[in-house]
């Protein structure tokens, strides 16, 4: 009997690390992209090597083969190098459509425009340089750690005579873009900074503001706008490519920076975002800083749409989930993400998101806003006891029915344990205790379906027109016609909702649709699990077979 063949592939039981490649070999794999940068830069070979290629080599010496993220975008070896080069290329390409020094004379623009283009390239190249200090720990085989603040990684590897190096990700690393300023001199020599500042006093401040993630107050930073737009495009493209080849990556983790940046920009210049003014979006009280929601989300969406950023969510519910997960906002409780506040002069409570700390958007605003002397959170008084017949002593204790859910009839007569019966018609929840209703769907729900469903749920609130949904015994009834009216095919909506398991079925293996009388006529629709609508009390609804994946 022949012996089994010897395996041709072996797998190391330990971390193989990264090879300490020389820079020339490292950059060979990026030759095509570097050639595109040269073509876009549009100068002779000597100028390109002096102005651009030198910086690319210094940047490659700093980041070497390090990935940009552990398990998300640009997570392969060399990912951080590729991310910087692609962002720099698209940022440089974007300068062709902008005039930075439009108010100056032609001769002055002739001198400054090349410097603006050079600075934009540098800002794109170094936009993620902060990750070297905040996200990774690099060691050699002996366990010696790379001092990232002192020298480029390639120089340290040469000094250690290391053939390989090893990477550890810092646990719960916080994105601190300002750290990129400490690494910037390792990439950009002082002579380049001196050249950029010649004849002006704005290019270098705008460059440093872009790298550090700090907005330039009262000025439009075109350079940073180009870099942010390019970075969003590059990350979005990489995530899409990774989904095709390697499965589904963690979408959305890169969006936090753009949302926070938009919040800061709006707080610094938008007149409707001046704290504690009449009809303001921002309210600062003794219990913290609140942002009126979803009005604040609509302002953020408009601003980011004007920036033409790729992959930015449009639904307020998606923005809220991302900012809650990032710790920018804090939830009102386990079942409710937003807060009810009653600012001075308001006749009714407002729905609002609460910042985990006011400094997230108010730091750097001069003069700082004054804090109101009172707390802003609205706590409704407890509902009076029901005047109905007393519960028989033998009846088992059950969860109290929420006072606003008057649609669900109480048990009649002696049949106290009978299952709740669905009414033949729907009524509004508005006549009961004041509440704010909003969709709390999973992040993976199709954005088109999410927007349509969120808008439908929002009509339950005061001032939103006639309600187009209603509660039934098992949850919230949404007519299928509402999806059609918003340009969403019902088949697409039901498929997306079934995939997220937020529907209630009449039977475990039955269809996802329900038929009931609505506005005087028989209507086909779906029933949403009440746990996914803030403002509803799930305990007040009947247990019913849920949609399962």
Protein backbone atom coordinates (compact mmCIF):
# COMPACT_ATOMS: atom_id res chain seq x y z
CA UNK A 1 0.00 0.00 0.00
CA UNK A 2 1.44 3.34 -1.01
CA UNK A 3 2.31 5.84 1.70
CA UNK A 4 0.10 8.91 1.85
CA UNK A 5 1.52 11.93 0.02
CA UNK A 6 3.47 14.41 2.06
CA UNK A 7 1.54 17.67 2.56
CA UNK A 8 2.90 20.46 0.43
CA UNK A 9 1.54 23.23 2.66
CA UNK A 10 2.32 23.69 6.33
CA UNK A 11 0.78 26.17 8.71
CA UNK A 12 2.73 27.87 11.44
CA UNK A 13 1.34 27.60 14.94
CA UNK A 14 2.60 31.11 15.75
CA UNK A 15 2.10 34.58 14.28
CA UNK A 16 4.29 34.83 11.15
CA UNK A 17 4.44 38.62 11.41
CA UNK A 18 5.48 40.92 8.58
CA UNK A 19 8.68 40.82 6.55
CA UNK A 20 10.97 43.83 6.94
CA UNK A 21 10.98 44.61 3.21
CA UNK A 22 13.18 47.36 1.78
CA UNK A 23 11.30 50.47 0.61
CA UNK A 24 11.96 49.91 -3.09
CA UNK A 25 10.40 46.45 -2.93
CA UNK A 26 7.53 47.83 -0.85
CA UNK A 27 6.71 50.52 -3.42
CA UNK A 28 7.00 48.20 -6.41
CA UNK A 29 3.54 46.85 -5.71
CA UNK A 30 2.14 50.43 -5.84
CA UNK A 31 3.90 51.39 -9.10
CA UNK A 32 0.65 51.72 -11.08
CA UNK A 33 -0.93 54.04 -8.53
CA UNK A 34 2.23 56.13 -8.23
CA UNK A 35 2.28 56.49 -12.02
CA UNK A 36 -1.32 57.77 -11.92
CA UNK A 37 -0.34 60.28 -9.22
CA UNK A 38 2.54 61.50 -11.38
CA UNK A 39 0.22 61.98 -14.36
CA UNK A 40 -2.28 63.86 -12.20
CA UNK A 41 0.39 66.05 -10.58
CA UNK A 42 1.45 67.21 -14.03
CA UNK A 43 5.10 68.22 -13.59
CA UNK A 44 8.44 67.06 -14.94
CA UNK A 45 10.16 64.03 -13.49
CA UNK A 46 12.60 65.94 -11.29
CA UNK A 47 9.86 68.08 -9.74
CA UNK A 48 7.66 65.04 -9.14
CA UNK A 49 10.45 63.15 -7.40
CA UNK A 50 11.28 66.19 -5.26
CA UNK A 51 7.73 67.22 -4.35
CA UNK A 52 5.82 63.95 -4.30
CA UNK A 53 7.90 60.79 -4.52
CA UNK A 54 10.10 61.85 -1.59
CA UNK A 55 7.01 62.24 0.58
CA UNK A 56 5.62 58.89 -0.61
CA UNK A 57 8.86 57.16 0.36
CA UNK A 58 8.88 58.81 3.79
CA UNK A 59 5.22 57.85 4.31
CA UNK A 60 5.96 54.26 3.25
CA UNK A 61 8.85 54.19 5.72
CA UNK A 62 6.43 55.10 8.51
CA UNK A 63 3.56 52.74 7.75
CA UNK A 64 5.43 49.94 5.93
CA UNK A 65 3.14 46.87 5.68
CA UNK A 66 0.78 47.81 8.51
CA UNK A 67 -2.95 47.32 7.84
CA UNK A 68 -5.32 50.24 8.35
CA UNK A 69 -7.81 48.28 10.47
CA UNK A 70 -7.90 44.93 12.20
CA UNK A 71 -10.93 43.45 10.43
CA UNK A 72 -12.57 46.18 8.38
CA UNK A 73 -11.47 48.32 5.45
CA UNK A 74 -7.87 48.01 4.16
CA UNK A 75 -7.18 45.24 6.66
CA UNK A 76 -4.65 43.37 4.50
CA UNK A 77 -0.86 43.84 4.83
CA UNK A 78 0.07 47.16 3.26
CA UNK A 79 -3.47 48.46 3.76
CA UNK A 80 -2.46 51.72 5.45
CA UNK A 81 0.01 52.49 2.64
CA UNK A 82 -2.63 51.84 0.00
CA UNK A 83 -5.24 53.86 1.87
CA UNK A 84 -2.95 56.89 2.07
CA UNK A 85 -1.91 56.72 -1.59
CA UNK A 86 -5.47 56.31 -2.90
CA UNK A 87 -6.81 59.14 -0.76
CA UNK A 88 -3.94 61.38 -1.81
CA UNK A 89 -4.56 60.60 -5.48
CA UNK A 90 -8.30 61.36 -5.37
CA UNK A 91 -7.71 64.47 -3.26
CA UNK A 92 -5.15 65.73 -5.76
CA UNK A 93 -7.50 64.92 -8.61
CA UNK A 94 -10.26 66.92 -6.92
CA UNK A 95 -8.15 70.10 -6.89
CA UNK A 96 -8.59 70.39 -10.67
CA UNK A 97 -12.19 71.50 -10.13
CA UNK A 98 -11.47 74.08 -7.39
CA UNK A 99 -9.83 77.49 -7.19
CA UNK A 100 -8.40 77.96 -3.71
CA UNK A 101 -7.31 81.62 -3.98
CA UNK A 102 -10.26 82.98 -5.93
CA UNK A 103 -10.19 86.45 -4.36
CA UNK A 104 -6.54 87.08 -5.16
CA UNK A 105 -4.95 88.46 -8.27
CA UNK A 106 -3.93 86.21 -11.15
CA UNK A 107 -0.24 86.56 -10.31
CA UNK A 108 -0.87 85.65 -6.66
CA UNK A 109 -2.97 82.65 -7.66
CA UNK A 110 -0.22 81.49 -9.98
CA UNK A 111 2.09 81.33 -6.98
CA UNK A 112 -0.35 79.83 -4.47
CA UNK A 113 -2.42 77.32 -6.44
CA UNK A 114 0.50 74.83 -6.85
CA UNK A 115 1.11 75.06 -3.11
CA UNK A 116 -2.57 74.39 -2.39
CA UNK A 117 -2.44 71.31 -4.64
CA UNK A 118 0.72 70.10 -2.92
CA UNK A 119 -0.84 70.61 0.53
CA UNK A 120 -4.00 68.77 -0.50
CA UNK A 121 -1.91 65.81 -1.63
CA UNK A 122 -0.08 65.79 1.73
CA UNK A 123 -3.34 66.00 3.68
CA UNK A 124 -4.75 63.03 1.78
CA UNK A 125 -1.55 61.01 2.18
CA UNK A 126 -1.35 61.60 5.94
CA UNK A 127 -5.07 61.59 6.80
CA UNK A 128 -4.84 58.29 8.72
CA UNK A 129 -1.33 58.71 10.10
CA UNK A 130 -2.70 58.97 13.64
CA UNK A 131 -3.37 55.22 13.63
CA UNK A 132 0.34 54.57 14.15
CA UNK A 133 0.11 56.12 17.61
CA UNK A 134 -3.39 55.19 18.69
CA UNK A 135 -4.26 51.77 17.25
CA UNK A 136 -1.18 49.55 16.90
CA UNK A 137 1.76 48.20 18.90
CA UNK A 138 4.68 46.94 16.80
CA UNK A 139 7.41 44.72 18.23
CA UNK A 140 10.39 42.80 16.92
CA UNK A 141 11.08 39.12 17.57
CA UNK A 142 12.70 39.94 20.92
CA UNK A 143 9.62 41.86 22.09
CA UNK A 144 11.11 45.36 21.78
CA UNK A 145 8.41 47.89 20.92
CA UNK A 146 8.70 50.42 18.11
CA UNK A 147 8.74 54.02 19.43
CA UNK A 148 6.27 55.41 16.90
CA UNK A 149 6.68 58.99 18.10
CA UNK A 150 10.44 59.00 17.48
CA UNK A 151 11.21 57.41 14.12
CA UNK A 152 9.70 55.74 11.04
CA UNK A 153 9.05 52.02 11.30
CA UNK A 154 11.50 51.19 8.47
CA UNK A 155 14.32 53.10 10.20
CA UNK A 156 13.64 51.30 13.48
CA UNK A 157 13.62 47.90 11.75
CA UNK A 158 17.00 48.72 10.17
CA UNK A 159 18.41 49.84 13.51
CA UNK A 160 17.16 46.64 15.18
CA UNK A 161 18.41 44.55 12.25
CA UNK A 162 15.03 42.85 12.37
CA UNK A 163 13.97 40.52 9.58
CA UNK A 164 10.34 40.41 10.72
CA UNK A 165 8.08 42.41 12.99
CA UNK A 166 4.81 41.69 14.76
CA UNK A 167 1.62 43.64 15.28
CA UNK A 168 -0.82 43.88 18.17
CA UNK A 169 -4.00 45.96 18.10
CA UNK A 170 -4.64 48.14 21.11
CA UNK A 171 -7.85 47.02 22.86
CA UNK A 172 -10.74 49.52 22.64
CA UNK A 173 -8.58 52.05 20.81
CA UNK A 174 -10.14 55.50 20.50
CA UNK A 175 -9.69 57.45 17.28
CA UNK A 176 -7.57 60.49 18.14
CA UNK A 177 -6.78 62.18 14.84
CA UNK A 178 -4.80 64.92 16.55
CA UNK A 179 -2.00 62.40 17.13
CA UNK A 180 -1.32 62.57 13.41
CA UNK A 181 0.35 65.95 13.97
CA UNK A 182 3.10 64.25 16.00
CA UNK A 183 3.87 61.83 13.15
CA UNK A 184 3.61 64.47 10.42
CA UNK A 185 7.28 65.65 10.72
CA UNK A 186 8.36 62.07 10.01
CA UNK A 187 6.73 62.38 6.59
CA UNK A 188 6.88 66.10 5.77
CA UNK A 189 10.26 67.81 6.31
CA UNK A 190 10.35 71.38 7.69
CA UNK A 191 11.56 72.67 4.32
CA UNK A 192 8.28 71.56 2.69
CA UNK A 193 6.26 73.34 5.37
CA UNK A 194 8.32 76.48 4.83
CA UNK A 195 7.64 76.34 1.09
CA UNK A 196 3.89 75.86 1.65
CA UNK A 197 3.76 78.91 3.95
CA UNK A 198 5.65 81.21 1.57
CA UNK A 199 3.55 84.21 0.59
CA UNK A 200 0.50 83.21 2.65
CA UNK A 201 -0.67 82.38 6.16
CA UNK A 202 -3.54 79.98 5.44
CA UNK A 203 -2.27 76.87 3.64
CA UNK A 204 -0.40 75.30 6.55
CA UNK A 205 -3.18 76.00 9.12
CA UNK A 206 -5.75 74.42 6.79
CA UNK A 207 -3.44 71.44 6.21
CA UNK A 208 -2.90 70.88 9.95
CA UNK A 209 -6.61 71.32 10.67
CA UNK A 210 -7.47 68.62 8.12
CA UNK A 211 -4.94 66.11 9.49
CA UNK A 212 -5.95 66.73 13.11
CA UNK A 213 -9.69 66.64 12.39
CA UNK A 214 -10.30 70.10 13.87
CA UNK A 215 -12.60 72.42 11.88
CA UNK A 216 -11.37 75.85 10.89
CA UNK A 217 -13.98 78.09 12.47
CA UNK A 218 -15.51 80.83 10.34
CA UNK A 219 -13.57 79.63 7.28
CA UNK A 220 -14.34 77.16 4.52
CA UNK A 221 -11.60 74.52 4.42
CA UNK A 222 -11.74 73.38 0.79
CA UNK A 223 -8.62 71.27 1.30
CA UNK A 224 -10.22 69.26 4.10
CA UNK A 225 -13.47 68.95 2.15
CA UNK A 226 -11.60 67.30 -0.74
CA UNK A 227 -9.75 64.94 1.60
CA UNK A 228 -12.87 63.87 3.50
CA UNK A 229 -14.76 63.26 0.28
CA UNK A 230 -11.88 61.25 -1.17
CA UNK A 231 -11.40 59.20 1.99
CA UNK A 232 -15.11 58.32 2.09
CA UNK A 233 -14.97 57.26 -1.56
CA UNK A 234 -11.84 55.15 -1.05
CA UNK A 235 -13.21 53.37 2.01
CA UNK A 236 -16.58 52.77 0.35
CA UNK A 237 -14.89 51.25 -2.72
CA UNK A 238 -12.71 49.01 -0.58
CA UNK A 239 -15.65 47.77 1.48
CA UNK A 240 -17.61 46.96 -1.66
CA UNK A 241 -14.66 45.08 -3.14
CA UNK A 242 -14.09 43.20 0.12
CA UNK A 243 -17.72 42.14 0.27
CA UNK A 244 -17.42 40.56 -3.18
CA UNK A 245 -14.26 38.62 -2.38
CA UNK A 246 -14.09 37.98 1.34
CA UNK A 247 -17.64 38.01 2.67
CA UNK A 248 -19.37 40.84 4.48
CA UNK A 249 -17.15 43.34 6.33
CA UNK A 250 -18.24 45.61 9.17
CA UNK A 251 -20.00 48.40 7.36
CA UNK A 252 -20.51 51.74 9.03
CA UNK A 253 -17.51 51.87 11.36
CA UNK A 254 -15.88 54.65 9.29
CA UNK A 255 -18.99 56.84 9.28
CA UNK A 256 -18.65 58.11 12.84
CA UNK A 257 -15.95 60.64 11.95
CA UNK A 258 -18.05 62.24 9.22
CA UNK A 259 -21.13 62.47 11.40
CA UNK A 260 -19.20 63.97 14.32
CA UNK A 261 -17.44 66.39 12.00
CA UNK A 262 -20.79 67.51 10.60
CA UNK A 263 -22.18 68.01 14.12
CA UNK A 264 -19.19 70.19 15.03
CA UNK A 265 -19.39 72.24 11.86
CA UNK A 266 -23.10 72.91 12.31
CA UNK A 267 -22.60 73.88 15.96
CA UNK A 268 -19.88 76.34 14.96
CA UNK A 269 -21.70 78.34 12.26
CA UNK A 270 -25.32 77.31 11.66
CA UNK A 271 -27.71 79.92 13.15
CA UNK A 272 -30.28 77.25 14.07
CA UNK A 273 -27.63 75.44 16.13
CA UNK A 274 -26.84 78.28 18.54
CA UNK A 275 -27.55 76.76 21.95
CA UNK A 276 -30.61 77.70 24.00
CA UNK A 277 -32.18 80.07 21.46
CA UNK A 278 -35.82 79.91 20.47
CA UNK A 279 -36.42 76.97 18.10
CA UNK A 280 -32.75 75.97 18.39
CA UNK A 281 -31.56 72.45 17.58
CA UNK A 282 -29.18 72.44 20.58
CA UNK A 283 -30.23 72.81 24.21
CA UNK A 284 -27.73 72.86 27.08
CA UNK A 285 -29.19 72.34 30.55
CA UNK A 286 -28.09 71.12 33.95
CA UNK A 287 -28.57 67.53 32.81
CA UNK A 288 -26.48 67.79 29.63
CA UNK A 289 -26.53 68.80 25.96
CA UNK A 290 -29.46 67.69 23.80
CA UNK A 291 -29.95 67.77 20.02
CA UNK A 292 -33.52 67.97 18.72
CA UNK A 293 -34.15 64.78 16.74
CA UNK A 294 -34.78 64.03 13.89
CA UNK A 295 -34.50 67.73 12.94
CA UNK A 296 -30.79 67.72 13.77
CA UNK A 297 -30.29 64.60 11.65
CA UNK A 298 -31.92 66.31 8.68
CA UNK A 299 -29.44 69.21 8.96
CA UNK A 300 -26.53 66.75 9.14
CA UNK A 301 -27.85 64.88 6.10
CA UNK A 302 -28.15 68.10 4.06
CA UNK A 303 -24.62 69.15 4.99
CA UNK A 304 -23.07 65.79 4.10
CA UNK A 305 -25.03 65.63 0.85
CA UNK A 306 -23.55 69.01 -0.10
CA UNK A 307 -20.11 67.52 0.64
CA UNK A 308 -20.90 64.70 -1.83
CA UNK A 309 -19.54 62.04 0.50
CA UNK A 310 -20.00 58.41 -0.53
CA UNK A 311 -21.85 55.92 1.63
CA UNK A 312 -23.25 58.39 4.17
CA UNK A 313 -26.57 57.23 5.69
CA UNK A 314 -29.67 59.34 5.13
CA UNK A 315 -32.04 57.80 7.66
CA UNK A 316 -32.06 59.48 11.10
CA UNK A 317 -32.43 56.05 12.70
CA UNK A 318 -29.20 54.84 11.07
CA UNK A 319 -27.30 57.95 12.17
CA UNK A 320 -28.63 57.50 15.69
CA UNK A 321 -27.52 53.87 15.87
CA UNK A 322 -24.01 54.71 14.63
CA UNK A 323 -23.55 57.59 17.08
CA UNK A 324 -24.95 55.57 19.98
CA UNK A 325 -22.60 52.67 19.21
CA UNK A 326 -19.67 55.11 19.01
CA UNK A 327 -20.46 56.64 22.40
CA UNK A 328 -21.23 60.08 20.95
CA UNK A 329 -24.84 59.85 22.14
CA UNK A 330 -26.18 58.08 25.18
CA UNK A 331 -29.52 56.28 25.21
CA UNK A 332 -32.36 57.17 27.52
CA UNK A 333 -32.72 53.53 28.51
CA UNK A 334 -32.59 49.95 27.36
CA UNK A 335 -35.82 50.32 25.36
CA UNK A 336 -35.49 53.94 24.25
CA UNK A 337 -32.66 55.69 22.43
CA UNK A 338 -33.96 59.27 22.44
CA UNK A 339 -35.02 61.56 25.29
CA UNK A 340 -38.04 63.79 25.84
CA UNK A 341 -37.08 67.35 26.74
CA UNK A 342 -39.11 70.45 27.53
CA UNK A 343 -37.00 73.52 26.68
CA UNK A 344 -38.05 77.02 27.81
CA UNK A 345 -40.92 78.32 25.68
CA UNK A 346 -41.83 74.89 24.25
CA UNK A 347 -45.53 74.01 24.48
CA UNK A 348 -45.01 70.26 24.09
CA UNK A 349 -42.07 67.92 24.80
CA UNK A 350 -39.52 67.46 22.02
CA UNK A 351 -37.72 64.30 21.00
CA UNK A 352 -33.94 64.72 21.34
CA UNK A 353 -30.65 62.84 21.31
CA UNK A 354 -28.33 63.42 24.25
CA UNK A 355 -24.58 63.88 23.86
CA UNK A 356 -22.42 61.82 26.18
CA UNK A 357 -20.48 65.04 26.84
CA UNK A 358 -21.15 68.59 25.58
CA UNK A 359 -17.48 69.03 24.68
CA UNK A 360 -17.94 66.79 21.63
CA UNK A 361 -19.44 69.71 19.69
CA UNK A 362 -19.03 72.77 21.94
CA UNK A 363 -15.27 72.61 22.55
CA UNK A 364 -13.56 75.53 20.84
CA UNK A 365 -16.69 77.65 20.37
CA UNK A 366 -16.01 81.20 21.48
CA UNK A 367 -17.74 82.48 23.52
CA UNK A 368 -18.89 79.23 25.12
CA UNK A 369 -22.68 78.88 25.45
CA UNK A 370 -24.28 79.43 28.84
CA UNK A 371 -25.96 76.52 30.60
CA UNK A 372 -29.63 76.86 31.48
CA UNK A 373 -30.32 76.85 35.24
CA UNK A 374 -32.82 73.99 34.95
CA UNK A 375 -32.78 70.39 33.76
CA UNK A 376 -34.33 69.75 30.34
CA UNK A 377 -35.54 66.16 30.55
CA UNK A 378 -39.33 65.88 30.55
CA UNK A 379 -40.77 63.30 32.92
CA UNK A 380 -44.53 62.93 32.51
CA UNK A 381 -46.56 62.63 35.71
CA UNK A 382 -47.71 59.10 36.56
CA UNK A 383 -50.98 58.15 34.93
CA UNK A 384 -54.02 58.10 37.27
CA UNK A 385 -55.38 54.76 38.32
CA UNK A 386 -57.97 53.29 35.97
CA UNK A 387 -61.61 53.84 36.96
CA UNK A 388 -62.67 50.48 35.51
CA UNK A 389 -63.96 47.52 37.50
CA UNK A 390 -61.51 46.11 40.06
CA UNK A 391 -59.53 43.01 39.15
CA UNK A 392 -60.86 39.86 40.85
CA UNK A 393 -58.50 38.65 43.59
CA UNK A 394 -58.06 35.30 41.84
CA UNK A 395 -56.85 36.90 38.59
CA UNK A 396 -53.12 36.44 38.00
CA UNK A 397 -50.92 39.53 38.01
CA UNK A 398 -49.89 40.62 34.53
CA UNK A 399 -47.84 43.41 33.04
CA UNK A 400 -49.71 46.73 33.21
CA UNK A 401 -51.14 47.97 29.94
CA UNK A 402 -49.53 51.22 28.81
CA UNK A 403 -52.13 54.02 29.10
CA UNK A 404 -51.51 55.22 25.54
CA UNK A 405 -52.39 51.88 23.96
CA UNK A 406 -56.14 52.30 24.15
CA UNK A 407 -56.50 50.32 20.92
CA UNK A 408 -56.09 47.04 22.75
CA UNK A 409 -59.33 46.36 24.61
CA UNK A 410 -59.21 45.12 28.20
CA UNK A 411 -60.79 41.72 28.95
CA UNK A 412 -64.55 41.98 29.13
CA UNK A 413 -66.86 40.38 31.70
CA UNK A 414 -65.58 37.36 33.61
CA UNK A 415 -63.25 36.19 30.83
CA UNK A 416 -60.21 37.92 32.36
CA UNK A 417 -57.70 35.46 30.97
CA UNK A 418 -58.88 35.57 27.38
CA UNK A 419 -56.29 36.48 24.74
CA UNK A 420 -56.49 40.08 23.49
CA UNK A 421 -58.73 40.46 20.47
CA UNK A 422 -57.75 42.64 17.55
CA UNK A 423 -60.17 45.50 16.97
CA UNK A 424 -61.93 45.96 13.64
CA UNK A 425 -60.72 49.55 13.25
CA UNK A 426 -57.60 51.54 14.11
CA UNK A 427 -57.37 54.71 16.18
CA UNK A 428 -54.60 57.21 16.88
CA UNK A 429 -52.40 57.04 19.96
CA UNK A 430 -52.27 60.79 20.26
CA UNK A 431 -55.21 61.24 22.60
CA UNK A 432 -53.34 59.52 25.40
CA UNK A 433 -50.27 60.46 27.46
CA UNK A 434 -47.62 62.38 25.46
CA UNK A 435 -44.99 60.10 23.90
CA UNK A 436 -42.58 60.23 21.01
CA UNK A 437 -42.68 57.38 18.52
CA UNK A 438 -39.71 56.42 16.36
CA UNK A 439 -38.48 53.37 14.50
CA UNK A 440 -35.67 51.42 16.18
CA UNK A 441 -34.91 48.91 13.43
CA UNK A 442 -31.65 46.93 13.15
CA UNK A 443 -28.82 48.64 11.27
CA UNK A 444 -28.80 45.94 8.57
CA UNK A 445 -32.31 46.81 7.37
CA UNK A 446 -32.40 48.02 3.75
CA UNK A 447 -32.04 51.86 3.87
CA UNK A 448 -34.94 52.45 1.45
CA UNK A 449 -37.26 50.29 3.52
CA UNK A 450 -35.97 51.85 6.74
CA UNK A 451 -36.67 55.39 5.51
CA UNK A 452 -40.19 54.52 4.33
CA UNK A 453 -41.03 52.69 7.55
CA UNK A 454 -39.51 55.38 9.78
CA UNK A 455 -41.52 58.12 8.06
CA UNK A 456 -44.68 56.08 8.46
CA UNK A 457 -44.05 55.49 12.18
CA UNK A 458 -43.25 59.18 12.71
CA UNK A 459 -46.80 60.15 11.71
CA UNK A 460 -47.96 58.90 15.13
CA UNK A 461 -46.41 62.02 16.69
CA UNK A 462 -48.15 65.34 17.16
CA UNK A 463 -47.73 67.81 14.32
CA UNK A 464 -46.88 65.14 11.72
CA UNK A 465 -50.24 65.12 9.92
CA UNK A 466 -52.82 62.32 10.01
CA UNK A 467 -51.37 58.98 11.21
CA UNK A 468 -50.97 56.44 8.42
CA UNK A 469 -50.30 53.46 10.73
CA UNK A 470 -52.09 52.10 13.78
CA UNK A 471 -51.63 49.65 16.61
CA UNK A 472 -53.28 46.25 16.65
CA UNK A 473 -53.23 43.53 19.28
CA UNK A 474 -49.82 42.15 18.19
CA UNK A 475 -47.95 45.30 17.15
CA UNK A 476 -47.99 48.20 14.71
CA UNK A 477 -49.97 47.78 11.48
CA UNK A 478 -48.42 49.39 8.35
CA UNK A 479 -50.39 49.27 5.07
CA UNK A 480 -48.37 48.05 2.10
CA UNK A 481 -49.64 51.02 0.11
CA UNK A 482 -47.42 53.28 2.22
CA UNK A 483 -44.33 51.59 0.78
CA UNK A 484 -45.67 52.01 -2.76
CA UNK A 485 -46.39 55.69 -2.10
CA UNK A 486 -42.74 56.16 -1.13
CA UNK A 487 -41.38 54.38 -4.19
CA UNK A 488 -40.53 51.06 -2.49
CA UNK A 489 -41.81 47.80 -3.98
CA UNK A 490 -43.86 45.86 -1.37
CA UNK A 491 -42.03 42.64 -2.29
CA UNK A 492 -38.68 44.32 -1.55
CA UNK A 493 -40.01 45.74 1.72
CA UNK A 494 -41.39 42.40 2.96
CA UNK A 495 -38.22 40.53 2.00
CA UNK A 496 -36.01 43.05 3.82
CA UNK A 497 -38.25 43.05 6.90
CA UNK A 498 -38.39 39.25 7.01
CA UNK A 499 -34.60 39.07 6.82
CA UNK A 500 -34.30 41.27 9.92
CA UNK A 501 -36.93 39.27 11.85
CA UNK A 502 -38.95 42.29 13.01
CA UNK A 503 -42.35 41.22 11.64
CA UNK A 504 -45.19 39.48 13.48
CA UNK A 505 -46.93 36.66 11.60
CA UNK A 506 -50.42 35.28 12.14
CA UNK A 507 -48.88 31.80 12.21
CA UNK A 508 -45.24 30.63 12.47
CA UNK A 509 -45.21 29.32 8.90
CA UNK A 510 -47.85 31.69 7.54
CA UNK A 511 -47.51 34.68 5.21
CA UNK A 512 -45.99 37.92 6.55
CA UNK A 513 -49.04 40.00 5.58
CA UNK A 514 -52.18 40.82 7.56
CA UNK A 515 -55.60 41.96 6.31
CA UNK A 516 -57.72 44.31 8.40
CA UNK A 517 -60.11 47.22 8.19
CA UNK A 518 -58.21 50.51 7.99
CA UNK A 519 -59.81 53.91 7.36
CA UNK A 520 -63.08 52.25 6.50
CA UNK A 521 -61.82 49.69 3.98
CA UNK A 522 -60.13 46.30 4.01
CA UNK A 523 -56.35 46.79 3.74
CA UNK A 524 -53.33 44.51 3.27
CA UNK A 525 -50.31 45.33 5.40
CA UNK A 526 -47.61 44.06 7.73
CA UNK A 527 -47.43 44.10 11.54
CA UNK A 528 -44.24 45.38 13.09
CA UNK A 529 -43.02 43.93 16.38
CA UNK A 530 -43.65 46.65 19.02
CA UNK A 531 -40.14 46.19 20.44
CA UNK A 532 -38.80 47.98 17.38
CA UNK A 533 -40.84 51.16 17.92
CA UNK A 534 -39.73 53.44 20.73
CA UNK A 535 -42.70 54.93 22.58
CA UNK A 536 -44.65 51.65 22.57
CA UNK A 537 -44.73 49.32 25.56
CA UNK A 538 -44.11 45.75 24.29
CA UNK A 539 -45.65 44.31 27.46
CA UNK A 540 -49.01 45.77 26.47
CA UNK A 541 -49.25 43.71 23.27
CA UNK A 542 -50.37 40.14 22.79
CA UNK A 543 -47.78 37.44 22.30
CA UNK A 544 -47.90 36.31 18.69
CA UNK A 545 -45.77 34.13 16.41
CA UNK A 546 -42.79 36.20 15.30
CA UNK A 547 -41.01 36.11 11.97
CA UNK A 548 -37.92 33.93 12.26
CA UNK A 549 -34.97 33.78 9.96
